[in-house]
Amino acid sequence: MLLFGLGAALPLLLLGTLSREVLLRWRDRMIGLGQGLKVALGAILVATGLMIATGYDKAAETVLVNTLPSWLTNLTTCF
């Protein structure tokens, strides 16, 4: 049982150690990417709110429904 436990734990410990080192190396890049995505998603949220407030969301929906293939429209509206 001890050998089985060591055999099962060693690969997990190795993966955990390697992934931690990789994540620590990539940490600054991931933080920068996260901040950029936060701004982009905020802009999308503001744009969506403005579209709803001005009523343009209905026109955009009409364009999308007319542009999308009929099988996708049927799939999204059948439930």
N, C-alpha and C. Protein backbone atom coordinates (compact mmCIF):
# COMPACT_ATOMS: atom_id res chain seq x y z
N MET A 1 0.83 -1.20 0.00
CA MET A 1 0.00 0.00 0.00
C MET A 1 0.87 1.26 0.00
N LEU A 2 1.98 1.20 0.72
CA LEU A 2 2.87 2.35 0.76
C LEU A 2 3.46 2.62 -0.62
N LEU A 3 3.88 1.57 -1.30
CA LEU A 3 4.44 1.73 -2.64
C LEU A 3 3.39 2.23 -3.63
N PHE A 4 2.16 1.73 -3.50
CA PHE A 4 1.08 2.20 -4.36
C PHE A 4 0.83 3.69 -4.12
N GLY A 5 0.79 4.08 -2.87
CA GLY A 5 0.58 5.49 -2.54
C GLY A 5 1.67 6.38 -3.09
N LEU A 6 2.93 5.93 -2.98
CA LEU A 6 4.04 6.71 -3.53
C LEU A 6 3.96 6.78 -5.05
N GLY A 7 3.61 5.66 -5.67
CA GLY A 7 3.49 5.64 -7.13
C GLY A 7 2.37 6.54 -7.63
N ALA A 8 1.31 6.64 -6.87
CA ALA A 8 0.20 7.50 -7.26
C ALA A 8 0.50 8.97 -6.96
N ALA A 9 1.24 9.24 -5.89
CA ALA A 9 1.48 10.61 -5.46
C ALA A 9 2.60 11.28 -6.23
N LEU A 10 3.63 10.54 -6.61
CA LEU A 10 4.78 11.16 -7.27
C LEU A 10 4.43 11.87 -8.58
N PRO A 11 3.69 11.26 -9.49
CA PRO A 11 3.34 12.01 -10.70
C PRO A 11 2.51 13.27 -10.41
N LEU A 12 1.63 13.18 -9.43
CA LEU A 12 0.83 14.35 -9.08
C LEU A 12 1.69 15.46 -8.48
N LEU A 13 2.63 15.09 -7.63
CA LEU A 13 3.54 16.08 -7.07
C LEU A 13 4.41 16.71 -8.14
N LEU A 14 4.89 15.90 -9.07
CA LEU A 14 5.72 16.41 -10.16
C LEU A 14 4.93 17.38 -11.04
N LEU A 15 3.72 17.00 -11.41
CA LEU A 15 2.88 17.89 -12.21
C LEU A 15 2.56 19.18 -11.46
N GLY A 16 2.26 19.06 -10.18
CA GLY A 16 1.96 20.24 -9.38
C GLY A 16 3.14 21.18 -9.28
N THR A 17 4.33 20.64 -9.11
CA THR A 17 5.53 21.47 -9.00
C THR A 17 5.84 22.15 -10.33
N LEU A 18 5.79 21.39 -11.41
CA LEU A 18 6.08 21.97 -12.72
C LEU A 18 5.06 23.02 -13.11
N SER A 19 3.78 22.73 -12.86
CA SER A 19 2.75 23.70 -13.24
C SER A 19 2.87 24.96 -12.41
N ARG A 20 3.28 24.84 -11.15
CA ARG A 20 3.45 26.02 -10.30
C ARG A 20 4.57 26.89 -10.85
N GLU A 21 5.68 26.27 -11.26
CA GLU A 21 6.79 27.04 -11.81
C GLU A 21 6.38 27.76 -13.10
N VAL A 22 5.65 27.06 -13.95
CA VAL A 22 5.20 27.67 -15.20
C VAL A 22 4.24 28.82 -14.91
N LEU A 23 3.31 28.62 -14.00
CA LEU A 23 2.36 29.68 -13.67
C LEU A 23 3.04 30.89 -13.05
N LEU A 24 4.04 30.65 -12.22
CA LEU A 24 4.76 31.78 -11.64
C LEU A 24 5.53 32.56 -12.71
N ARG A 25 6.08 31.85 -13.72
CA ARG A 25 6.76 32.54 -14.80
C ARG A 25 5.79 33.34 -15.65
N TRP A 26 4.61 32.82 -15.85
CA TRP A 26 3.62 33.48 -16.70
C TRP A 26 2.73 34.45 -15.93
N ARG A 27 2.94 34.60 -14.66
CA ARG A 27 2.05 35.38 -13.79
C ARG A 27 1.84 36.80 -14.29
N ASP A 28 2.92 37.51 -14.60
CA ASP A 28 2.79 38.91 -15.03
C ASP A 28 2.03 39.02 -16.35
N ARG A 29 2.30 38.10 -17.27
CA ARG A 29 1.58 38.11 -18.54
C ARG A 29 0.09 37.86 -18.34
N MET A 30 -0.22 36.90 -17.46
CA MET A 30 -1.63 36.58 -17.21
C MET A 30 -2.35 37.73 -16.52
N ILE A 31 -1.65 38.43 -15.62
CA ILE A 31 -2.26 39.58 -14.95
C ILE A 31 -2.54 40.68 -15.97
N GLY A 32 -1.58 40.94 -16.86
CA GLY A 32 -1.78 41.95 -17.90
C GLY A 32 -2.91 41.58 -18.83
N LEU A 33 -2.96 40.30 -19.22
CA LEU A 33 -4.04 39.84 -20.08
C LEU A 33 -5.39 39.96 -19.37
N GLY A 34 -5.41 39.63 -18.09
CA GLY A 34 -6.66 39.74 -17.32
C GLY A 34 -7.15 41.17 -17.23
N GLN A 35 -6.23 42.10 -17.05
CA GLN A 35 -6.63 43.51 -16.98
C GLN A 35 -7.14 43.99 -18.33
N GLY A 36 -6.49 43.56 -19.41
CA GLY A 36 -6.95 43.94 -20.74
C GLY A 36 -8.33 43.37 -21.04
N LEU A 37 -8.54 42.10 -20.66
CA LEU A 37 -9.85 41.48 -20.86
C LEU A 37 -10.93 42.15 -20.01
N LYS A 38 -10.55 42.57 -18.83
CA LYS A 38 -11.50 43.27 -17.96
C LYS A 38 -12.00 44.55 -18.62
N VAL A 39 -11.08 45.30 -19.22
CA VAL A 39 -11.45 46.54 -19.91
C VAL A 39 -12.31 46.23 -21.13
N ALA A 40 -11.91 45.21 -21.91
CA ALA A 40 -12.66 44.85 -23.11
C ALA A 40 -14.07 44.39 -22.77
N LEU A 41 -14.20 43.56 -21.74
CA LEU A 41 -15.54 43.10 -21.35
C LEU A 41 -16.38 44.24 -20.79
N GLY A 42 -15.75 45.17 -20.10
CA GLY A 42 -16.47 46.35 -19.63
C GLY A 42 -16.99 47.19 -20.78
N ALA A 43 -16.17 47.34 -21.81
CA ALA A 43 -16.59 48.10 -22.99
C ALA A 43 -17.75 47.40 -23.70
N ILE A 44 -17.68 46.08 -23.79
CA ILE A 44 -18.78 45.32 -24.41
C ILE A 44 -20.06 45.49 -23.60
N LEU A 45 -19.93 45.48 -22.27
CA LEU A 45 -21.11 45.65 -21.41
C LEU A 45 -21.72 47.04 -21.57
N VAL A 46 -20.88 48.06 -21.65
CA VAL A 46 -21.38 49.43 -21.85
C VAL A 46 -22.04 49.56 -23.22
N ALA A 47 -21.41 48.99 -24.25
CA ALA A 47 -21.98 49.05 -25.60
C ALA A 47 -23.33 48.33 -25.65
N THR A 48 -23.42 47.18 -24.98
CA THR A 48 -24.69 46.45 -24.94
C THR A 48 -25.77 47.27 -24.23
N GLY A 49 -25.41 47.89 -23.12
CA GLY A 49 -26.36 48.75 -22.41
C GLY A 49 -26.84 49.91 -23.26
N LEU A 50 -25.91 50.52 -24.00
CA LEU A 50 -26.30 51.63 -24.88
C LEU A 50 -27.21 51.15 -26.01
N MET A 51 -26.91 49.96 -26.54
CA MET A 51 -27.77 49.41 -27.60
C MET A 51 -29.18 49.16 -27.07
N ILE A 52 -29.29 48.64 -25.87
CA ILE A 52 -30.61 48.38 -25.29
C ILE A 52 -31.34 49.69 -25.02
N ALA A 53 -30.60 50.68 -24.49
CA ALA A 53 -31.22 51.97 -24.16
C ALA A 53 -31.73 52.70 -25.40
N THR A 54 -31.02 52.55 -26.51
CA THR A 54 -31.41 53.26 -27.73
C THR A 54 -32.33 52.43 -28.63
N GLY A 55 -32.52 51.15 -28.31
CA GLY A 55 -33.37 50.30 -29.11
C GLY A 55 -32.66 49.68 -30.30
N TYR A 56 -31.37 49.93 -30.43
CA TYR A 56 -30.60 49.39 -31.55
C TYR A 56 -30.40 47.88 -31.43
N ASP A 57 -30.62 47.34 -30.23
CA ASP A 57 -30.43 45.89 -30.04
C ASP A 57 -31.39 45.09 -30.92
N LYS A 58 -32.58 45.60 -31.15
CA LYS A 58 -33.56 44.90 -32.01
C LYS A 58 -33.09 44.87 -33.45
N ALA A 59 -32.52 45.97 -33.93
CA ALA A 59 -32.00 46.00 -35.30
C ALA A 59 -30.81 45.06 -35.45
N ALA A 60 -29.93 45.03 -34.45
CA ALA A 60 -28.78 44.13 -34.49
C ALA A 60 -29.23 42.68 -34.46
N GLU A 61 -30.25 42.39 -33.65
CA GLU A 61 -30.80 41.03 -33.59
C GLU A 61 -31.38 40.62 -34.94
N THR A 62 -32.08 41.53 -35.58
CA THR A 62 -32.66 41.23 -36.90
C THR A 62 -31.57 40.91 -37.91
N VAL A 63 -30.51 41.70 -37.93
CA VAL A 63 -29.39 41.45 -38.84
C VAL A 63 -28.76 40.09 -38.56
N LEU A 64 -28.55 39.77 -37.28
CA LEU A 64 -27.95 38.49 -36.93
C LEU A 64 -28.84 37.31 -37.32
N VAL A 65 -30.13 37.41 -37.07
CA VAL A 65 -31.05 36.32 -37.41
C VAL A 65 -31.09 36.12 -38.92
N ASN A 66 -31.06 37.19 -39.68
CA ASN A 66 -31.08 37.08 -41.14
C ASN A 66 -29.75 36.57 -41.69
N THR A 67 -28.66 36.80 -40.99
CA THR A 67 -27.34 36.41 -41.45
C THR A 67 -27.01 34.96 -41.09
N LEU A 68 -27.45 34.52 -39.92
CA LEU A 68 -27.12 33.17 -39.46
C LEU A 68 -27.81 32.11 -40.31
N PRO A 69 -27.20 30.93 -40.45
CA PRO A 69 -27.88 29.86 -41.18
C PRO A 69 -29.15 29.42 -40.46
N SER A 70 -30.11 28.96 -41.22
CA SER A 70 -31.42 28.61 -40.65
C SER A 70 -31.31 27.47 -39.64
N TRP A 71 -30.38 26.52 -39.82
CA TRP A 71 -30.27 25.40 -38.88
C TRP A 71 -29.86 25.92 -37.49
N LEU A 72 -29.02 26.97 -37.46
CA LEU A 72 -28.61 27.51 -36.17
C LEU A 72 -29.75 28.26 -35.50
N THR A 73 -30.52 29.00 -36.29
CA THR A 73 -31.68 29.70 -35.74
C THR A 73 -32.68 28.69 -35.21
N ASN A 74 -32.94 27.63 -35.95
CA ASN A 74 -33.87 26.57 -35.48
C ASN A 74 -33.35 25.91 -34.22
N LEU A 75 -32.07 25.67 -34.14
CA LEU A 75 -31.48 25.02 -32.96
C LEU A 75 -31.64 25.89 -31.72
N THR A 76 -31.44 27.19 -31.86
CA THR A 76 -31.49 28.09 -30.70
C THR A 76 -32.92 28.46 -30.30
N THR A 77 -33.89 28.24 -31.18
CA THR A 77 -35.27 28.63 -30.84
C THR A 77 -36.19 27.44 -30.59
N CYS A 78 -35.68 26.21 -30.73
CA CYS A 78 -36.58 25.05 -30.58
C CYS A 78 -36.84 24.69 -29.12
N PHE A 79 -36.05 25.19 -28.20
CA PHE A 79 -36.26 24.81 -26.79
C PHE A 79 -36.88 25.93 -26.05
